[in-house]
Each structure stands twice: as C-alpha cells, then as structure tokens.
Amino acid sequence: MTSRARAELFLLSTTVVWGSTFVVVKAGADLISPSLFIALRFGIGALLFALLLAGQYRSIGRRTVRRGVLLGAMLGTGIILQNYGIYLTTASKSAFITGLMVIFTPVAQLVLERRAPRPGNVVGIVVVTAGLYLLTMPEGSALNAGDLLVLISAAVFGVYIVYLDMFSRDEKVLHLSFIQVTVTSFTAAMTIPFESVRFIPAPGLIASLLYMGICATVLTTYIQTRYQKDTTPTRAVIIFTIEPVIAAVLAYFALGEVLGAVGIAGAAVIIVGILISEFGDQLIPWSGEREGI
C-alpha cells in the first residue's frame, strides 16, 4: 500500500468519526449552548494533548506556536461561524454550503501554493458538488445572513486545510495539534459572553463531551495533522465530503431520520465523485511533471 493510499484511508476514518458527531451533537443540543460546547470539547482535547506532551513544552518552537495559533484561529472561527449560521438558516442549506469547501480548497491551494488541479480532481469536484446538492436538496429561498455565515466558514475551512498541508510537513504532529486545539478552545470561549449560556450536566451530555473531546478532537486532529500531508488538500477535502453521507446513515438508525430516494441518489453520486478523484489520475492523461492538487 502506498503512503498516499494509507493516508487517505486514515482520513476516511476521521470522516467516519466526524459523521457520527451529527447524532452526538443533536442529542445534546437542548442541554448546552453552542459556543460553550465547542469550548469544552476542544478544552478536553487540549488537556489530553497536554498530558501526552508532559515534559516536552520547552521543545515547542516559536514557529510551531505561530503556525498552531493561525491554524487554531482559523478552525475556531470556521466552527463558530458555522454554528451560528446554522441557527439562522435551514439544515439542508447549511449542509450544502458547508460542503462547498470542496470548491474553496483547490482555489486556496492554487493561490497559496501555485498548484493547479488535475483533470480527474476537477471532474470529481463537479460530481461531488452535484451529489451534495441531491443529498441535502437546499430550499430555494433567498440568501440570508445564516447562509453567508456558513459560506464564510466553508471558505475558512478550505484555507485551513491548505495551511495545514503546508505547515504539517516540517512540524511535530503532537506539538502542532496541541497548539491549534488549545487556540480553538480559547477562540470559542471568547464568544460565550455573546450567547445565552445553557449547561445542564446530564449523564448524556457528559458522555457526548468526552466522545467529542477524545474521538472527534484529539484522535481526528492528530490523524489529519499526521496524514493529510501524504496526500493533497483537494483529494483530502473530496474524501471529507462523505461526512454528510455517513451522518445521514447514522441519523437514520439512531434518530429515525429518513433520507429519501433523492438523498440516496445524492449519496451514491458523492461516492462516484470520490472514486473519480481517486482513480482519475490513471484514467485521464496529465502532462504535468509534478503532482497537482
């Protein structure tokens, strides 16, 4: 197995975890306010990373700190904008708009790294975007403030993925993960005063926070930081678009939410788009000397 194939399998595993968070967050939505939930989730992650790094803090260089702060600020800003945007728009529109990071990512890489997309990746992006539309079927209402917030968050996530690719190549994974998760927690904490704080310490909420902090933060952040550099940002983000498919399947079994025939077709189209992006290099000739996006 090539290093790229291994990396993409690990990234797929993180996408499965992210897909499961839909059910977890939905179950605890009435028990805790959004920014507090994000701050505690990443706070738990930061604490666990701190324990793993015991005795190594002095070895974290200034460059790593600067890069981690930038990554954490982008990740925190994206998550906060997305959460507040969801409250002002429909779930279907927010899901589709968030998925548009599959378009923002190659644009960001073209600007920041001067790397053009391969034909197979471009075709995969188009197919995946069509699948996202079918899966979520956004309502045709006019663009509102919530849509704009989610759109900005998708753009931020796209830039974040590219910068993570650039920074993780010559940084220690634990060091960079610890800094960015810590900054994400502080970024979310700064917005708590602007919301109606709610916290009901039920057993289900505690379990949700632990799952989100350990699996959906520590585990996924480490894997993404470690393995994304072995593939390309655009291939990675195309893999990430399978998240709503996984979320829809889990929501069906756990919450009884019905996907419908069109949604199932959209999920199938997304998978086809991922396969095109994965194997398009062999199917579509490319004259570039170096690997593109």
C-alpha atoms as a PDB file:
ATOM      1  CA  MET A   1       0.000   0.000   0.000  1.00  0.00           C
ATOM      2  CA  THR A   2       1.373   3.416  -0.968  1.00  0.00           C
ATOM      3  CA  SER A   3       1.804   6.180   1.590  1.00  0.00           C
ATOM      4  CA  ARG A   4      -0.929   8.200  -0.158  1.00  0.00           C
ATOM      5  CA  ALA A   5      -3.402   5.300  -0.067  1.00  0.00           C
ATOM      6  CA  ARG A   6      -2.645   4.698   3.622  1.00  0.00           C
ATOM      7  CA  ALA A   7      -3.071   8.406   4.400  1.00  0.00           C
ATOM      8  CA  GLU A   8      -6.400   8.573   2.589  1.00  0.00           C
ATOM      9  CA  LEU A   9      -7.692   5.535   4.487  1.00  0.00           C
ATOM     10  CA  PHE A  10      -6.805   7.264   7.757  1.00  0.00           C
ATOM     11  CA  LEU A  11      -8.519  10.457   6.576  1.00  0.00           C
ATOM     12  CA  LEU A  12     -11.580   8.399   5.688  1.00  0.00           C
ATOM     13  CA  SER A  13     -11.598   7.060   9.255  1.00  0.00           C
ATOM     14  CA  THR A  14     -11.645  10.622  10.618  1.00  0.00           C
ATOM     15  CA  THR A  15     -14.563  11.389   8.302  1.00  0.00           C
ATOM     16  CA  VAL A  16     -16.492   8.476   9.810  1.00  0.00           C
ATOM     17  CA  VAL A  17     -15.949   9.965  13.277  1.00  0.00           C
ATOM     18  CA  TRP A  18     -16.985  13.442  12.088  1.00  0.00           C
ATOM     19  CA  GLY A  19     -20.121  11.940  10.538  1.00  0.00           C
ATOM     20  CA  SER A  20     -21.038  10.367  13.872  1.00  0.00           C
ATOM     21  CA  THR A  21     -20.826  13.737  15.639  1.00  0.00           C
ATOM     22  CA  PHE A  22     -24.076  14.816  13.963  1.00  0.00           C
ATOM     23  CA  VAL A  23     -26.028  12.365  16.106  1.00  0.00           C
ATOM     24  CA  VAL A  24     -23.997  13.202  19.224  1.00  0.00           C
ATOM     25  CA  VAL A  25     -24.456  16.973  18.901  1.00  0.00           C
ATOM     26  CA  LYS A  26     -28.144  16.599  18.017  1.00  0.00           C
ATOM     27  CA  ALA A  27     -28.744  14.530  21.149  1.00  0.00           C
ATOM     28  CA  GLY A  28     -27.231  17.174  23.447  1.00  0.00           C
ATOM     29  CA  ALA A  29     -28.413  20.337  21.695  1.00  0.00           C
ATOM     30  CA  ASP A  30     -31.011  21.138  24.367  1.00  0.00           C
ATOM     31  CA  LEU A  31     -28.540  20.699  27.216  1.00  0.00           C
ATOM     32  CA  ILE A  32     -25.725  23.114  26.304  1.00  0.00           C
ATOM     33  CA  SER A  33     -25.257  26.314  24.302  1.00  0.00           C
ATOM     34  CA  PRO A  34     -23.132  26.114  21.108  1.00  0.00           C
ATOM     35  CA  SER A  35     -20.020  28.153  21.979  1.00  0.00           C
ATOM     36  CA  LEU A  36     -19.760  26.593  25.435  1.00  0.00           C
ATOM     37  CA  PHE A  37     -19.995  23.146  23.861  1.00  0.00           C
ATOM     38  CA  ILE A  38     -17.218  23.940  21.373  1.00  0.00           C
ATOM     39  CA  ALA A  39     -15.000  25.488  24.070  1.00  0.00           C
ATOM     40  CA  LEU A  40     -15.404  22.480  26.392  1.00  0.00           C
ATOM     41  CA  ARG A  41     -14.970  19.962  23.566  1.00  0.00           C
ATOM     42  CA  PHE A  42     -11.677  21.462  22.433  1.00  0.00           C
ATOM     43  CA  GLY A  43     -10.706  22.197  26.026  1.00  0.00           C
ATOM     44  CA  ILE A  44     -10.900  18.476  26.793  1.00  0.00           C
ATOM     45  CA  GLY A  45      -8.825  17.844  23.683  1.00  0.00           C
ATOM     46  CA  ALA A  46      -6.226  20.419  24.731  1.00  0.00           C
ATOM     47  CA  LEU A  47      -5.969  18.859  28.195  1.00  0.00           C
ATOM     48  CA  LEU A  48      -5.394  15.388  26.748  1.00  0.00           C
ATOM     49  CA  PHE A  49      -2.740  16.683  24.348  1.00  0.00           C
ATOM     50  CA  ALA A  50      -1.104  18.498  27.278  1.00  0.00           C
ATOM     51  CA  LEU A  51      -0.913  15.199  29.189  1.00  0.00           C
ATOM     52  CA  LEU A  52       0.625  13.471  26.173  1.00  0.00           C
ATOM     53  CA  LEU A  53       3.198  16.277  25.931  1.00  0.00           C
ATOM     54  CA  ALA A  54       4.157  16.266  29.609  1.00  0.00           C
ATOM     55  CA  GLY A  55       7.758  17.444  29.921  1.00  0.00           C
ATOM     56  CA  GLN A  56       8.038  18.462  26.255  1.00  0.00           C
ATOM     57  CA  TYR A  57       6.633  22.007  26.406  1.00  0.00           C
ATOM     58  CA  ARG A  58      10.031  23.705  26.217  1.00  0.00           C
ATOM     59  CA  SER A  59      10.779  21.878  22.982  1.00  0.00           C
ATOM     60  CA  ILE A  60       7.866  23.580  21.206  1.00  0.00           C
ATOM     61  CA  GLY A  61       9.460  26.219  18.989  1.00  0.00           C
ATOM     62  CA  ARG A  62       8.190  29.714  18.257  1.00  0.00           C
ATOM     63  CA  ARG A  63       7.483  28.840  14.633  1.00  0.00           C
ATOM     64  CA  THR A  64       5.288  25.934  15.749  1.00  0.00           C
ATOM     65  CA  VAL A  65       3.426  28.242  18.126  1.00  0.00           C
ATOM     66  CA  ARG A  66       2.834  30.833  15.392  1.00  0.00           C
ATOM     67  CA  ARG A  67       1.609  28.197  12.973  1.00  0.00           C
ATOM     68  CA  GLY A  68      -0.565  26.488  15.586  1.00  0.00           C
ATOM     69  CA  VAL A  69      -2.134  29.797  16.594  1.00  0.00           C
ATOM     70  CA  LEU A  70      -3.012  30.562  12.965  1.00  0.00           C
ATOM     71  CA  LEU A  71      -4.491  27.089  12.417  1.00  0.00           C
ATOM     72  CA  GLY A  72      -6.415  27.177  15.698  1.00  0.00           C
ATOM     73  CA  ALA A  73      -7.789  30.654  14.999  1.00  0.00           C
ATOM     74  CA  MET A  74      -8.990  29.563  11.550  1.00  0.00           C
ATOM     75  CA  LEU A  75     -10.502  26.311  12.828  1.00  0.00           C
ATOM     76  CA  GLY A  76     -12.227  28.023  15.750  1.00  0.00           C
ATOM     77  CA  THR A  77     -13.536  30.863  13.584  1.00  0.00           C
ATOM     78  CA  GLY A  78     -14.861  28.413  10.993  1.00  0.00           C
ATOM     79  CA  ILE A  79     -16.663  26.255  13.546  1.00  0.00           C
ATOM     80  CA  ILE A  80     -18.196  29.258  15.348  1.00  0.00           C
ATOM     81  CA  LEU A  81     -19.418  30.877  12.119  1.00  0.00           C
ATOM     82  CA  GLN A  82     -20.861  27.567  11.005  1.00  0.00           C
ATOM     83  CA  ASN A  83     -22.702  27.003  14.293  1.00  0.00           C
ATOM     84  CA  TYR A  84     -24.223  30.473  14.433  1.00  0.00           C
ATOM     85  CA  GLY A  85     -25.095  30.304  10.746  1.00  0.00           C
ATOM     86  CA  ILE A  86     -27.000  27.048  11.212  1.00  0.00           C
ATOM     87  CA  TYR A  87     -29.311  28.777  13.680  1.00  0.00           C
ATOM     88  CA  LEU A  88     -30.270  31.356  11.026  1.00  0.00           C
ATOM     89  CA  THR A  89     -30.819  29.069   8.041  1.00  0.00           C
ATOM     90  CA  THR A  90     -32.125  25.593   7.255  1.00  0.00           C
ATOM     91  CA  ALA A  91     -30.210  22.406   7.972  1.00  0.00           C
ATOM     92  CA  SER A  92     -30.247  21.410   4.299  1.00  0.00           C
ATOM     93  CA  LYS A  93     -28.839  24.725   3.078  1.00  0.00           C
ATOM     94  CA  SER A  94     -26.141  24.795   5.759  1.00  0.00           C
ATOM     95  CA  ALA A  95     -25.086  21.220   4.915  1.00  0.00           C
ATOM     96  CA  PHE A  96     -24.810  22.006   1.215  1.00  0.00           C
ATOM     97  CA  ILE A  97     -22.978  25.311   1.725  1.00  0.00           C
ATOM     98  CA  THR A  98     -20.500  23.718   4.150  1.00  0.00           C
ATOM     99  CA  GLY A  99     -19.808  21.083   1.518  1.00  0.00           C
ATOM    100  CA  LEU A 100     -18.730  23.830  -0.860  1.00  0.00           C
ATOM    101  CA  MET A 101     -15.341  23.795   0.870  1.00  0.00           C
ATOM    102  CA  VAL A 102     -14.649  21.144  -1.784  1.00  0.00           C
ATOM    103  CA  ILE A 103     -14.519  24.081  -4.219  1.00  0.00           C
ATOM    104  CA  PHE A 104     -12.793  26.596  -1.931  1.00  0.00           C
ATOM    105  CA  THR A 105      -9.914  24.229  -1.101  1.00  0.00           C
ATOM    106  CA  PRO A 106      -8.430  23.852  -4.618  1.00  0.00           C
ATOM    107  CA  VAL A 107      -8.885  27.594  -5.177  1.00  0.00           C
ATOM    108  CA  ALA A 108      -6.987  28.299  -1.940  1.00  0.00           C
ATOM    109  CA  GLN A 109      -4.233  25.884  -2.915  1.00  0.00           C
ATOM    110  CA  LEU A 110      -3.928  27.462  -6.346  1.00  0.00           C
ATOM    111  CA  VAL A 111      -3.496  30.887  -4.716  1.00  0.00           C
ATOM    112  CA  LEU A 112      -1.263  29.854  -1.811  1.00  0.00           C
ATOM    113  CA  GLU A 113       0.826  27.079  -3.351  1.00  0.00           C
ATOM    114  CA  ARG A 114       0.519  27.792  -7.070  1.00  0.00           C
ATOM    115  CA  ARG A 115      -0.602  24.226  -7.735  1.00  0.00           C
ATOM    116  CA  ALA A 116      -3.252  23.617 -10.375  1.00  0.00           C
ATOM    117  CA  PRO A 117      -5.807  20.798 -10.099  1.00  0.00           C
ATOM    118  CA  ARG A 118      -5.539  17.603 -12.100  1.00  0.00           C
ATOM    119  CA  PRO A 119      -8.381  16.913 -14.567  1.00  0.00           C
ATOM    120  CA  GLY A 120      -9.571  13.921 -12.540  1.00  0.00           C
ATOM    121  CA  ASN A 121      -9.824  16.029  -9.400  1.00  0.00           C
ATOM    122  CA  VAL A 122     -11.784  18.736 -11.238  1.00  0.00           C
ATOM    123  CA  VAL A 123     -14.283  16.177 -12.539  1.00  0.00           C
ATOM    124  CA  GLY A 124     -14.522  14.659  -9.066  1.00  0.00           C
ATOM    125  CA  ILE A 125     -15.253  18.073  -7.533  1.00  0.00           C
ATOM    126  CA  VAL A 126     -18.070  18.738 -10.008  1.00  0.00           C
ATOM    127  CA  VAL A 127     -19.624  15.310  -9.422  1.00  0.00           C
ATOM    128  CA  VAL A 128     -19.311  15.574  -5.627  1.00  0.00           C
ATOM    129  CA  THR A 129     -20.915  19.047  -5.624  1.00  0.00           C
ATOM    130  CA  ALA A 130     -23.861  17.689  -7.611  1.00  0.00           C
ATOM    131  CA  GLY A 131     -24.141  14.812  -5.131  1.00  0.00           C
ATOM    132  CA  LEU A 132     -24.097  17.220  -2.188  1.00  0.00           C
ATOM    133  CA  TYR A 133     -26.975  19.136  -3.742  1.00  0.00           C
ATOM    134  CA  LEU A 134     -29.038  15.977  -4.220  1.00  0.00           C
ATOM    135  CA  LEU A 135     -28.204  14.724  -0.723  1.00  0.00           C
ATOM    136  CA  THR A 136     -29.191  17.948   1.037  1.00  0.00           C
ATOM    137  CA  MET A 137     -31.629  19.480  -1.506  1.00  0.00           C
ATOM    138  CA  PRO A 138     -31.273  23.077  -0.214  1.00  0.00           C
ATOM    139  CA  GLU A 139     -34.504  25.027  -0.181  1.00  0.00           C
ATOM    140  CA  GLY A 140     -34.752  27.655  -2.897  1.00  0.00           C
ATOM    141  CA  SER A 141     -35.241  30.635  -0.580  1.00  0.00           C
ATOM    142  CA  ALA A 142     -33.159  33.792  -0.938  1.00  0.00           C
ATOM    143  CA  LEU A 143     -29.682  34.033   0.540  1.00  0.00           C
ATOM    144  CA  ASN A 144     -29.872  35.141   4.175  1.00  0.00           C
ATOM    145  CA  ALA A 145     -27.427  36.080   6.929  1.00  0.00           C
ATOM    146  CA  GLY A 146     -27.105  32.491   8.114  1.00  0.00           C
ATOM    147  CA  ASP A 147     -26.207  31.308   4.624  1.00  0.00           C
ATOM    148  CA  LEU A 148     -23.484  33.958   4.407  1.00  0.00           C
ATOM    149  CA  LEU A 149     -22.001  32.933   7.766  1.00  0.00           C
ATOM    150  CA  VAL A 150     -21.891  29.271   6.715  1.00  0.00           C
ATOM    151  CA  LEU A 151     -20.427  30.254   3.327  1.00  0.00           C
ATOM    152  CA  ILE A 152     -17.646  32.213   5.036  1.00  0.00           C
ATOM    153  CA  SER A 153     -16.990  29.256   7.339  1.00  0.00           C
ATOM    154  CA  ALA A 154     -16.671  26.935   4.315  1.00  0.00           C
ATOM    155  CA  ALA A 155     -14.112  29.309   2.806  1.00  0.00           C
ATOM    156  CA  VAL A 156     -12.210  29.420   6.113  1.00  0.00           C
ATOM    157  CA  PHE A 157     -12.189  25.605   6.289  1.00  0.00           C
ATOM    158  CA  GLY A 158     -10.845  25.460   2.725  1.00  0.00           C
ATOM    159  CA  VAL A 159      -7.956  27.785   3.594  1.00  0.00           C
ATOM    160  CA  TYR A 160      -7.359  25.908   6.860  1.00  0.00           C
ATOM    161  CA  ILE A 161      -6.941  22.608   5.004  1.00  0.00           C
ATOM    162  CA  VAL A 162      -4.335  24.139   2.682  1.00  0.00           C
ATOM    163  CA  TYR A 163      -2.367  25.763   5.505  1.00  0.00           C
ATOM    164  CA  LEU A 164      -2.455  22.502   7.473  1.00  0.00           C
ATOM    165  CA  ASP A 165      -0.963  20.783   4.436  1.00  0.00           C
ATOM    166  CA  MET A 166       1.786  23.415   4.243  1.00  0.00           C
ATOM    167  CA  PHE A 167       2.615  23.563   7.967  1.00  0.00           C
ATOM    168  CA  SER A 168       2.415  19.885   8.920  1.00  0.00           C
ATOM    169  CA  ARG A 169       5.228  18.843   6.573  1.00  0.00           C
ATOM    170  CA  ASP A 170       8.019  20.012   8.866  1.00  0.00           C
ATOM    171  CA  GLU A 171       6.387  20.170  12.297  1.00  0.00           C
ATOM    172  CA  LYS A 172       5.981  17.606  15.060  1.00  0.00           C
ATOM    173  CA  VAL A 173       2.408  16.329  14.963  1.00  0.00           C
ATOM    174  CA  LEU A 174       1.722  16.427  18.712  1.00  0.00           C
ATOM    175  CA  HIS A 175       3.147  19.930  19.092  1.00  0.00           C
ATOM    176  CA  LEU A 176       1.138  21.401  16.224  1.00  0.00           C
ATOM    177  CA  SER A 177      -2.029  19.551  17.260  1.00  0.00           C
ATOM    178  CA  PHE A 178      -1.767  20.742  20.862  1.00  0.00           C
ATOM    179  CA  ILE A 179      -1.364  24.414  19.928  1.00  0.00           C
ATOM    180  CA  GLN A 180      -4.176  24.529  17.381  1.00  0.00           C
ATOM    181  CA  VAL A 181      -6.672  22.647  19.578  1.00  0.00           C
ATOM    182  CA  THR A 182      -5.866  24.917  22.547  1.00  0.00           C
ATOM    183  CA  VAL A 183      -6.328  28.066  20.462  1.00  0.00           C
ATOM    184  CA  THR A 184      -9.590  26.716  19.031  1.00  0.00           C
ATOM    185  CA  SER A 185     -10.905  26.267  22.565  1.00  0.00           C
ATOM    186  CA  PHE A 186      -9.925  29.836  23.534  1.00  0.00           C
ATOM    187  CA  THR A 187     -11.430  31.212  20.308  1.00  0.00           C
ATOM    188  CA  ALA A 188     -14.764  29.566  21.110  1.00  0.00           C
ATOM    189  CA  ALA A 189     -14.581  30.684  24.750  1.00  0.00           C
ATOM    190  CA  MET A 190     -14.291  34.312  23.628  1.00  0.00           C
ATOM    191  CA  THR A 191     -17.770  34.105  22.052  1.00  0.00           C
ATOM    192  CA  ILE A 192     -19.528  32.606  25.092  1.00  0.00           C
ATOM    193  CA  PRO A 193     -20.498  36.043  26.515  1.00  0.00           C
ATOM    194  CA  PHE A 194     -22.446  36.730  23.319  1.00  0.00           C
ATOM    195  CA  GLU A 195     -24.776  33.751  23.696  1.00  0.00           C
ATOM    196  CA  SER A 196     -27.448  32.696  26.139  1.00  0.00           C
ATOM    197  CA  VAL A 197     -25.383  30.285  28.206  1.00  0.00           C
ATOM    198  CA  ARG A 198     -27.014  26.941  28.880  1.00  0.00           C
ATOM    199  CA  PHE A 199     -25.488  23.939  30.652  1.00  0.00           C
ATOM    200  CA  ILE A 200     -27.463  21.029  32.106  1.00  0.00           C
ATOM    201  CA  PRO A 201     -24.957  18.445  33.396  1.00  0.00           C
ATOM    202  CA  ALA A 202     -26.901  15.324  32.416  1.00  0.00           C
ATOM    203  CA  PRO A 203     -25.031  11.996  32.010  1.00  0.00           C
ATOM    204  CA  GLY A 204     -25.731  12.022  28.271  1.00  0.00           C
ATOM    205  CA  LEU A 205     -24.127  15.446  27.871  1.00  0.00           C
ATOM    206  CA  ILE A 206     -21.012  14.429  29.800  1.00  0.00           C
ATOM    207  CA  ALA A 207     -20.689  11.349  27.602  1.00  0.00           C
ATOM    208  CA  SER A 208     -21.124  13.499  24.484  1.00  0.00           C
ATOM    209  CA  LEU A 209     -18.430  15.926  25.601  1.00  0.00           C
ATOM    210  CA  LEU A 210     -15.999  13.108  26.337  1.00  0.00           C
ATOM    211  CA  TYR A 211     -16.657  11.476  22.963  1.00  0.00           C
ATOM    212  CA  MET A 212     -16.300  14.778  21.122  1.00  0.00           C
ATOM    213  CA  GLY A 213     -13.187  15.738  23.090  1.00  0.00           C
ATOM    214  CA  ILE A 214     -11.381  12.405  22.773  1.00  0.00           C
ATOM    215  CA  CYS A 215     -12.508  10.900  19.462  1.00  0.00           C
ATOM    216  CA  ALA A 216     -13.732  13.887  17.426  1.00  0.00           C
ATOM    217  CA  THR A 217     -10.951  16.244  18.565  1.00  0.00           C
ATOM    218  CA  VAL A 218      -7.781  14.511  19.792  1.00  0.00           C
ATOM    219  CA  LEU A 219      -7.955  11.467  17.529  1.00  0.00           C
ATOM    220  CA  THR A 220      -9.134  13.233  14.377  1.00  0.00           C
ATOM    221  CA  THR A 221      -6.853  16.263  14.788  1.00  0.00           C
ATOM    222  CA  TYR A 222      -3.826  14.036  15.266  1.00  0.00           C
ATOM    223  CA  ILE A 223      -4.693  11.850  12.251  1.00  0.00           C
ATOM    224  CA  GLN A 224      -5.452  14.820   9.991  1.00  0.00           C
ATOM    225  CA  THR A 225      -2.264  16.631  11.016  1.00  0.00           C
ATOM    226  CA  ARG A 226      -0.184  13.461  10.647  1.00  0.00           C
ATOM    227  CA  TYR A 227      -1.540  12.063   7.395  1.00  0.00           C
ATOM    228  CA  GLN A 228      -3.023  14.883   5.295  1.00  0.00           C
ATOM    229  CA  LYS A 229       0.460  15.901   4.131  1.00  0.00           C
ATOM    230  CA  ASP A 230       0.838  12.495   2.443  1.00  0.00           C
ATOM    231  CA  THR A 231      -1.966  13.281   0.011  1.00  0.00           C
ATOM    232  CA  THR A 232      -3.152  16.614  -1.405  1.00  0.00           C
ATOM    233  CA  PRO A 233      -5.610  19.135   0.072  1.00  0.00           C
ATOM    234  CA  THR A 234      -8.130  18.675  -2.742  1.00  0.00           C
ATOM    235  CA  ARG A 235      -8.069  14.891  -2.568  1.00  0.00           C
ATOM    236  CA  ALA A 236      -8.447  15.168   1.214  1.00  0.00           C
ATOM    237  CA  VAL A 237     -11.431  17.518   1.062  1.00  0.00           C
ATOM    238  CA  ILE A 238     -13.154  15.309  -1.511  1.00  0.00           C
ATOM    239  CA  ILE A 239     -12.818  12.429   0.953  1.00  0.00           C
ATOM    240  CA  PHE A 240     -14.245  14.678   3.677  1.00  0.00           C
ATOM    241  CA  THR A 241     -17.419  15.204   1.594  1.00  0.00           C
ATOM    242  CA  ILE A 242     -18.522  11.701   2.507  1.00  0.00           C
ATOM    243  CA  GLU A 243     -19.227  13.050   6.025  1.00  0.00           C
ATOM    244  CA  PRO A 244     -22.873  14.013   5.297  1.00  0.00           C
ATOM    245  CA  VAL A 245     -23.435  10.551   3.794  1.00  0.00           C
ATOM    246  CA  ILE A 246     -22.212   8.897   6.988  1.00  0.00           C
ATOM    247  CA  ALA A 247     -24.210  11.378   9.089  1.00  0.00           C
ATOM    248  CA  ALA A 248     -27.377  10.614   7.117  1.00  0.00           C
ATOM    249  CA  VAL A 249     -26.950   6.848   7.529  1.00  0.00           C
ATOM    250  CA  LEU A 250     -26.295   7.124  11.268  1.00  0.00           C
ATOM    251  CA  ALA A 251     -29.195   9.562  11.703  1.00  0.00           C
ATOM    252  CA  TYR A 252     -31.479   7.037  10.039  1.00  0.00           C
ATOM    253  CA  PHE A 253     -30.559   4.288  12.501  1.00  0.00           C
ATOM    254  CA  ALA A 254     -30.122   6.427  15.644  1.00  0.00           C
ATOM    255  CA  LEU A 255     -32.717   9.172  15.180  1.00  0.00           C
ATOM    256  CA  GLY A 256     -35.133   7.691  12.665  1.00  0.00           C
ATOM    257  CA  GLU A 257     -34.477  10.414  10.081  1.00  0.00           C
ATOM    258  CA  VAL A 258     -35.433   9.302   6.569  1.00  0.00           C
ATOM    259  CA  LEU A 259     -33.043  10.105   3.720  1.00  0.00           C
ATOM    260  CA  GLY A 260     -35.396   9.501   0.789  1.00  0.00           C
ATOM    261  CA  ALA A 261     -34.759   8.319  -2.764  1.00  0.00           C
ATOM    262  CA  VAL A 262     -33.192  11.578  -3.963  1.00  0.00           C
ATOM    263  CA  GLY A 263     -30.918  11.704  -0.916  1.00  0.00           C
ATOM    264  CA  ILE A 264     -29.792   8.136  -1.519  1.00  0.00           C
ATOM    265  CA  ALA A 265     -29.048   9.060  -5.131  1.00  0.00           C
ATOM    266  CA  GLY A 266     -27.031  12.059  -3.913  1.00  0.00           C
ATOM    267  CA  ALA A 267     -25.020   9.834  -1.566  1.00  0.00           C
ATOM    268  CA  ALA A 268     -24.277   7.479  -4.454  1.00  0.00           C
ATOM    269  CA  VAL A 269     -23.178  10.385  -6.659  1.00  0.00           C
ATOM    270  CA  ILE A 270     -20.799  11.632  -3.933  1.00  0.00           C
ATOM    271  CA  ILE A 271     -19.191   8.196  -3.731  1.00  0.00           C
ATOM    272  CA  VAL A 272     -18.828   8.133  -7.533  1.00  0.00           C
ATOM    273  CA  GLY A 273     -17.179  11.584  -7.395  1.00  0.00           C
ATOM    274  CA  ILE A 274     -14.715  10.365  -4.757  1.00  0.00           C
ATOM    275  CA  LEU A 275     -13.843   7.347  -6.905  1.00  0.00           C
ATOM    276  CA  ILE A 276     -13.322   9.572  -9.950  1.00  0.00           C
ATOM    277  CA  SER A 277     -10.979  11.802  -7.966  1.00  0.00           C
ATOM    278  CA  GLU A 278      -9.154   8.767  -6.538  1.00  0.00           C
ATOM    279  CA  PHE A 279      -8.599   6.919  -9.803  1.00  0.00           C
ATOM    280  CA  GLY A 280      -8.871   9.754 -12.323  1.00  0.00           C
ATOM    281  CA  ASP A 281      -5.088  10.046 -12.493  1.00  0.00           C
ATOM    282  CA  GLN A 282      -4.961   6.695 -14.275  1.00  0.00           C
ATOM    283  CA  LEU A 283      -7.994   7.390 -16.464  1.00  0.00           C
ATOM    284  CA  ILE A 284      -7.304  10.989 -17.543  1.00  0.00           C
ATOM    285  CA  PRO A 285      -3.917  11.870 -19.096  1.00  0.00           C
ATOM    286  CA  TRP A 286      -1.958  14.584 -17.323  1.00  0.00           C
ATOM    287  CA  SER A 287       1.089  16.229 -18.775  1.00  0.00           C
ATOM    288  CA  GLY A 288       2.313  17.956 -15.597  1.00  0.00           C
ATOM    289  CA  GLU A 289       5.640  16.884 -14.208  1.00  0.00           C
ATOM    290  CA  ARG A 290       4.685  17.179 -10.555  1.00  0.00           C
ATOM    291  CA  GLU A 291       1.577  16.022  -8.786  1.00  0.00           C
ATOM    292  CA  GLY A 292      -1.153  18.608  -8.808  1.00  0.00           C
ATOM    293  CA  ILE A 293      -3.920  19.191  -6.329  1.00  0.00           C
END
